[in-house]
Protein backbone atom coordinates (compact mmCIF):
# COMPACT_ATOMS: atom_id res chain seq x y z
CA MET A 1 -34.70 48.40 7.27
CA ASN A 2 -34.28 49.25 3.60
CA GLU A 3 -37.13 51.75 3.53
CA THR A 4 -37.34 52.10 -0.26
CA ARG A 5 -38.07 48.37 -0.70
CA SER A 6 -40.44 47.08 1.93
CA VAL A 7 -43.44 44.77 2.04
CA VAL A 8 -46.30 44.25 4.48
CA VAL A 9 -46.93 40.55 5.21
CA THR A 10 -49.93 39.49 7.29
CA GLY A 11 -50.03 36.28 9.30
CA ALA A 12 -46.25 36.13 9.62
CA SER A 13 -45.87 34.28 12.93
CA THR A 14 -45.38 30.77 11.49
CA GLY A 15 -45.60 28.60 8.39
CA ILE A 16 -46.10 30.31 5.05
CA GLY A 17 -46.02 33.84 6.43
CA TRP A 18 -42.74 33.20 8.21
CA ALA A 19 -41.27 31.65 5.05
CA ILE A 20 -42.34 34.65 2.97
CA THR A 21 -40.74 37.00 5.47
CA GLU A 22 -37.55 34.94 5.40
CA ALA A 23 -37.40 34.91 1.58
CA LEU A 24 -37.85 38.67 1.35
CA VAL A 25 -35.23 39.39 4.00
CA GLU A 26 -32.79 37.10 2.15
CA HIS A 27 -33.15 39.48 -0.80
CA ASN A 28 -32.62 42.57 1.34
CA ILE A 29 -36.28 43.55 1.33
CA GLY A 30 -37.59 44.95 4.59
CA VAL A 31 -40.78 43.47 5.98
CA PHE A 32 -43.57 44.82 8.13
CA ALA A 33 -44.79 41.53 9.57
CA SER A 34 -48.22 41.32 11.19
CA VAL A 35 -48.92 38.97 14.09
CA ARG A 36 -51.62 38.76 16.76
CA ARG A 37 -49.51 38.04 19.86
CA GLU A 38 -46.84 40.13 21.54
CA SER A 39 -44.66 37.04 22.00
CA ASP A 40 -44.52 36.62 18.22
CA THR A 41 -43.18 40.15 17.77
CA LEU A 42 -40.22 39.19 19.96
CA ARG A 43 -39.57 36.04 17.92
CA LEU A 44 -39.56 38.04 14.70
CA ARG A 45 -37.11 40.58 16.09
CA ASP A 46 -34.81 37.84 17.36
CA ALA A 47 -34.85 36.02 14.02
CA PHE A 48 -34.59 38.91 11.57
CA GLY A 49 -33.30 41.92 13.49
CA ASP A 50 -33.79 45.35 11.96
CA MET A 51 -34.98 43.97 8.62
CA VAL A 52 -38.39 43.21 10.11
CA ILE A 53 -40.73 45.55 11.96
CA PRO A 54 -43.54 43.61 13.66
CA LEU A 55 -47.11 44.91 13.47
CA LEU A 56 -49.64 43.77 16.06
CA PHE A 57 -53.16 43.35 14.68
CA ASP A 58 -55.94 40.96 13.73
CA VAL A 59 -56.96 41.45 10.09
CA THR A 60 -60.63 41.76 11.13
CA ASP A 61 -59.91 44.61 13.58
CA GLU A 62 -60.28 47.79 11.52
CA VAL A 63 -59.03 50.09 14.28
CA ALA A 64 -55.88 48.04 14.88
CA VAL A 65 -55.21 47.82 11.13
CA ARG A 66 -55.47 51.60 10.77
CA LYS A 67 -52.98 52.05 13.61
CA ALA A 68 -50.59 49.71 11.81
CA VAL A 69 -50.96 51.74 8.61
CA ALA A 70 -49.96 54.88 10.50
CA GLN A 71 -46.92 53.05 11.88
CA VAL A 72 -45.84 51.92 8.42
CA ALA A 73 -46.49 55.34 6.87
CA GLU A 74 -44.29 57.00 9.47
CA SER A 75 -41.51 54.52 8.74
CA ILE A 76 -41.49 54.75 4.93
CA GLY A 77 -42.08 58.48 4.61
CA ARG A 78 -43.56 59.54 1.27
CA THR A 79 -42.37 56.53 -0.72
CA THR A 80 -44.57 53.63 -1.79
CA LEU A 81 -44.47 50.10 -0.47
CA LEU A 82 -43.09 47.41 -2.74
CA GLY A 83 -46.01 45.19 -1.84
CA LEU A 84 -48.73 43.86 0.43
CA VAL A 85 -49.04 40.11 1.02
CA ASN A 86 -52.46 39.12 2.34
CA ASN A 87 -51.43 35.81 3.87
CA ALA A 88 -53.38 35.63 7.14
CA GLY A 89 -56.02 32.92 7.08
CA ILE A 90 -57.66 30.12 9.02
CA ALA A 91 -59.29 26.76 8.28
CA VAL A 92 -61.88 25.18 10.57
CA PRO A 93 -62.94 21.77 9.22
CA GLY A 94 -66.42 20.42 9.66
CA PRO A 95 -69.43 19.08 7.73
CA LEU A 96 -71.50 21.98 6.46
CA LEU A 97 -74.79 20.57 7.78
CA ASP A 98 -73.42 20.42 11.31
CA GLN A 99 -70.73 23.10 11.54
CA PRO A 100 -71.47 25.87 14.06
CA ILE A 101 -72.35 29.05 12.18
CA ALA A 102 -69.76 30.94 14.24
CA ASP A 103 -67.00 28.69 12.86
CA PHE A 104 -68.19 29.20 9.29
CA ARG A 105 -68.58 32.96 9.72
CA ARG A 106 -65.13 33.35 11.29
CA GLN A 107 -63.48 31.79 8.23
CA ILE A 108 -65.28 34.21 5.91
CA GLU A 109 -64.39 37.15 8.17
CA VAL A 110 -60.68 36.32 8.34
CA ASN A 111 -60.07 34.85 4.88
CA LEU A 112 -62.16 37.30 2.86
CA THR A 113 -63.44 40.34 4.73
CA GLY A 114 -60.11 40.70 6.53
CA GLN A 115 -58.31 40.84 3.18
CA LEU A 116 -60.53 43.71 2.10
CA ILE A 117 -60.00 45.57 5.39
CA VAL A 118 -56.22 45.30 5.06
CA THR A 119 -56.21 46.10 1.33
CA GLN A 120 -58.35 49.22 1.73
CA ALA A 121 -56.17 50.43 4.58
CA PHE A 122 -52.79 49.92 2.91
CA ALA A 123 -53.78 50.83 -0.67
CA PRO A 124 -52.71 54.49 -0.32
CA LEU A 125 -49.21 53.34 0.65
CA LEU A 126 -49.08 51.12 -2.44
CA GLY A 127 -49.79 54.03 -4.77
CA ALA A 128 -53.51 54.75 -4.54
CA ASP A 129 -52.32 57.99 -2.95
CA LYS A 130 -50.84 59.56 -6.07
CA THR A 131 -48.85 62.11 -4.07
CA ARG A 132 -46.46 59.34 -3.00
CA THR A 133 -43.18 58.84 -4.84
CA GLY A 134 -41.98 55.57 -6.32
CA MET A 135 -43.46 52.86 -8.48
CA PRO A 136 -46.87 51.44 -7.54
CA GLY A 137 -46.66 48.37 -5.34
CA ARG A 138 -48.19 44.94 -5.84
CA ILE A 139 -50.73 42.95 -3.85
CA VAL A 140 -50.31 39.21 -3.40
CA ASN A 141 -53.38 37.38 -2.12
CA MET A 142 -52.79 33.93 -0.65
CA SER A 143 -55.47 31.64 -1.99
CA SER A 144 -55.32 27.85 -2.18
CA VAL A 145 -56.04 24.90 -4.43
CA SER A 146 -59.30 25.01 -2.46
CA GLY A 147 -60.04 28.25 -4.30
CA ARG A 148 -60.79 26.12 -7.36
CA ILE A 149 -61.29 22.56 -6.03
CA ALA A 150 -63.57 22.11 -3.01
CA ALA A 151 -63.00 19.01 -0.90
CA PRO A 152 -65.61 17.82 1.62
CA PHE A 153 -65.41 18.99 5.23
CA ILE A 154 -63.62 22.24 4.44
CA GLY A 155 -66.61 23.98 2.90
CA GLY A 156 -66.19 27.20 4.85
CA TYR A 157 -62.53 27.44 3.92
CA ALA A 158 -63.21 26.54 0.27
CA ALA A 159 -66.03 29.09 0.10
CA SER A 160 -63.74 31.81 1.44
CA LYS A 161 -60.96 30.95 -1.01
CA HIS A 162 -63.32 30.69 -4.01
CA ALA A 163 -64.58 34.15 -3.05
CA LEU A 164 -61.03 35.45 -2.59
CA GLU A 165 -60.21 34.42 -6.15
CA GLY A 166 -63.13 36.42 -7.53
CA PHE A 167 -62.29 39.31 -5.22
CA SER A 168 -58.70 39.29 -6.50
CA GLU A 169 -59.74 39.25 -10.16
CA SER A 170 -62.08 42.22 -9.68
CA LEU A 171 -59.53 44.08 -7.59
CA ARG A 172 -56.77 43.64 -10.16
CA ARG A 173 -58.94 45.15 -12.88
CA GLU A 174 -60.07 48.03 -10.69
CA LEU A 175 -56.53 48.87 -9.61
CA LEU A 176 -55.43 49.32 -13.21
CA LEU A 177 -56.34 52.92 -12.38
CA TYR A 178 -53.29 53.16 -10.12
CA GLY A 179 -50.97 50.64 -11.76
CA ILE A 180 -51.19 48.36 -8.70
CA ASP A 181 -51.04 44.71 -9.78
CA VAL A 182 -52.88 41.94 -7.90
CA ILE A 183 -51.51 38.40 -7.97
CA ILE A 184 -52.94 35.16 -6.58
CA ILE A 185 -50.71 32.50 -5.07
CA ALA A 186 -52.57 29.22 -4.61
CA PRO A 187 -50.65 26.47 -2.81
CA GLY A 188 -51.74 22.92 -2.33
CA VAL A 189 -50.80 21.20 0.89
CA VAL A 190 -47.77 22.84 2.51
CA LYS A 191 -45.56 21.14 5.08
CA THR A 192 -45.86 23.27 8.22
CA PRO A 193 -46.20 22.62 11.98
CA ILE A 194 -49.99 23.02 11.65
CA TRP A 195 -50.22 19.34 10.72
CA ASP A 196 -48.97 18.29 14.15
CA LYS A 197 -52.01 20.08 15.58
CA ALA A 198 -54.35 18.64 12.96
CA GLU A 199 -53.54 15.11 14.08
CA ASN A 200 -55.05 15.90 17.48
CA VAL A 201 -58.02 17.95 16.27
CA ASP A 202 -61.02 17.74 18.59
CA LEU A 203 -64.03 16.33 16.76
CA ALA A 204 -66.17 16.15 19.89
CA VAL A 205 -68.57 18.79 18.55
CA TYR A 206 -69.48 16.29 15.82
CA GLU A 207 -69.84 13.21 18.02
CA ARG A 208 -73.53 12.92 17.10
CA SER A 209 -73.01 13.71 13.43
CA ASP A 210 -73.61 11.08 10.76
CA PHE A 211 -70.47 12.41 9.11
CA LEU A 212 -68.10 11.64 12.01
CA PRO A 213 -66.61 8.34 10.73
CA ILE A 214 -65.95 9.78 7.27
CA MET A 215 -64.60 13.01 8.71
CA ARG A 216 -62.11 11.03 10.80
CA ARG A 217 -60.83 9.36 7.64
CA PHE A 218 -60.63 12.74 5.96
CA ASN A 219 -58.59 14.13 8.86
CA GLU A 220 -56.18 11.18 8.68
CA TYR A 221 -55.77 11.78 4.95
CA VAL A 222 -55.13 15.49 5.46
CA VAL A 223 -52.50 14.87 8.14
CA ALA A 224 -50.69 12.30 5.97
CA SER A 225 -50.78 14.63 2.95
CA GLY A 226 -49.54 17.56 5.01
CA ARG A 227 -46.42 15.76 6.07
CA LYS A 228 -45.60 15.15 2.39
CA GLY A 229 -46.55 18.65 1.30
CA LEU A 230 -44.50 21.40 -0.27
CA PRO A 231 -41.88 23.10 1.89
CA ALA A 232 -43.10 26.52 2.99
CA GLU A 233 -39.92 27.98 1.52
CA ARG A 234 -41.29 27.22 -1.96
CA ILE A 235 -44.19 29.57 -1.29
CA GLY A 236 -41.80 32.18 0.06
CA HIS A 237 -39.69 32.15 -3.09
CA ALA A 238 -42.78 32.27 -5.33
CA THR A 239 -44.03 35.30 -3.42
CA TYR A 240 -40.70 37.05 -3.87
CA HIS A 241 -40.91 36.31 -7.61
CA ALA A 242 -44.48 37.64 -7.82
CA LEU A 243 -43.47 40.87 -6.10
CA THR A 244 -40.30 41.56 -8.05
CA THR A 245 -40.32 39.99 -11.52
CA ARG A 246 -41.03 42.30 -14.43
CA HIS A 247 -43.92 40.21 -15.74
CA PRO A 248 -45.57 38.24 -12.92
CA ARG A 249 -48.28 35.69 -13.57
CA THR A 250 -51.78 36.52 -12.42
CA ARG A 251 -51.94 33.19 -10.56
CA TYR A 252 -49.30 30.80 -9.22
CA SER A 253 -50.55 27.24 -8.62
CA LEU A 254 -48.04 25.51 -6.35
CA VAL A 255 -48.62 21.82 -5.64
CA PRO A 256 -46.43 18.77 -4.92
CA ASN A 257 -47.49 17.04 -8.16
CA LEU A 258 -48.75 19.34 -10.90
CA LEU A 259 -50.48 16.57 -12.85
CA THR A 260 -52.32 14.73 -10.07
CA ASP A 261 -52.84 17.63 -7.67
CA TRP A 262 -53.88 20.32 -10.13
CA ILE A 263 -54.22 19.55 -13.83
CA LEU A 264 -56.32 16.38 -13.60
CA PRO A 265 -58.66 17.57 -10.82
CA THR A 266 -59.42 20.75 -12.75
CA LEU A 267 -60.04 18.91 -16.03
CA LEU A 268 -62.01 15.89 -14.82
CA PRO A 269 -65.81 16.04 -14.99
CA ARG A 270 -67.23 17.07 -11.63
CA ARG A 271 -69.11 13.77 -11.19
CA TRP A 272 -65.86 11.87 -11.66
CA LEU A 273 -64.24 13.98 -8.97
CA ASP A 274 -67.23 13.30 -6.70
CA ASP A 275 -66.66 9.58 -7.21
CA ILE A 276 -62.96 9.87 -6.39
CA PHE A 277 -63.75 11.60 -3.10
CA ALA A 278 -66.44 9.03 -2.33
CA ARG A 279 -64.13 6.08 -2.93
CA SER A 280 -61.22 7.64 -1.06
CA LEU A 281 -63.20 8.54 2.06
CA GLY A 282 -65.69 5.70 2.15
CA PHE A 283 -68.94 7.46 1.38
CA PRO A 284 -71.75 4.97 0.71
CA LYS A 285 -72.50 4.28 -2.94
CA ALA A 286 -75.42 6.19 -4.42
CA LYS A 287 -78.51 4.03 -4.84
């Protein structure tokens, strides 16, 4: 691995995380890639060889994260990391009135608290430890269009991503002390294998919910959109740009259609957006 230019990427086993790892390796940047299963460490080694060092941890496991930090610190010596990409995340759909609290809480733990755990742990290697040599690194936090626009039935996910956006803004301003920049990347729907699983999602827990018929339509819409989404490679290249360009944006909004998927939804009055969701999913008309 090129030890003077290396990045930690969480959630690297598939999809966006894998694409980010691939993009960085293509540019001769070494990657410490976190996964949760031993089998995924073998896949990473087979695909990328010595350019990738797998790390085995769940972002919510503070002890495991600290062990990974020690592993990375030993590898890079006294130099700084080029960056940290907080990509690991989950989405568990469900109507907020009926969703099990454990499902809601898990999304907050992984998508928000886990980002803080990882950031606190790796910050010294990015330059918060001023005894290290090299330029301060950058932090890229993987948000989503759902960090600004909240669709029905993904309330837990949207809540975590809205919070992550505020977290990232505060963190960027705090880390001015060390010269560590914080950048948000916010994709819309991305074409990954996860959509094959979404088609067969088990809605049995909601079989008695009034929302079930509408949620089924929502799931069909999500699956169809996913198969027409952005290629994950687009997110990988944007992440490389955010980590290496001289003047990165503070936020990258990456969607299949900038006008219909981002500009209009953010400019329309909220009640208009409510009506669009209602018409699209078949909610009853307000009396």
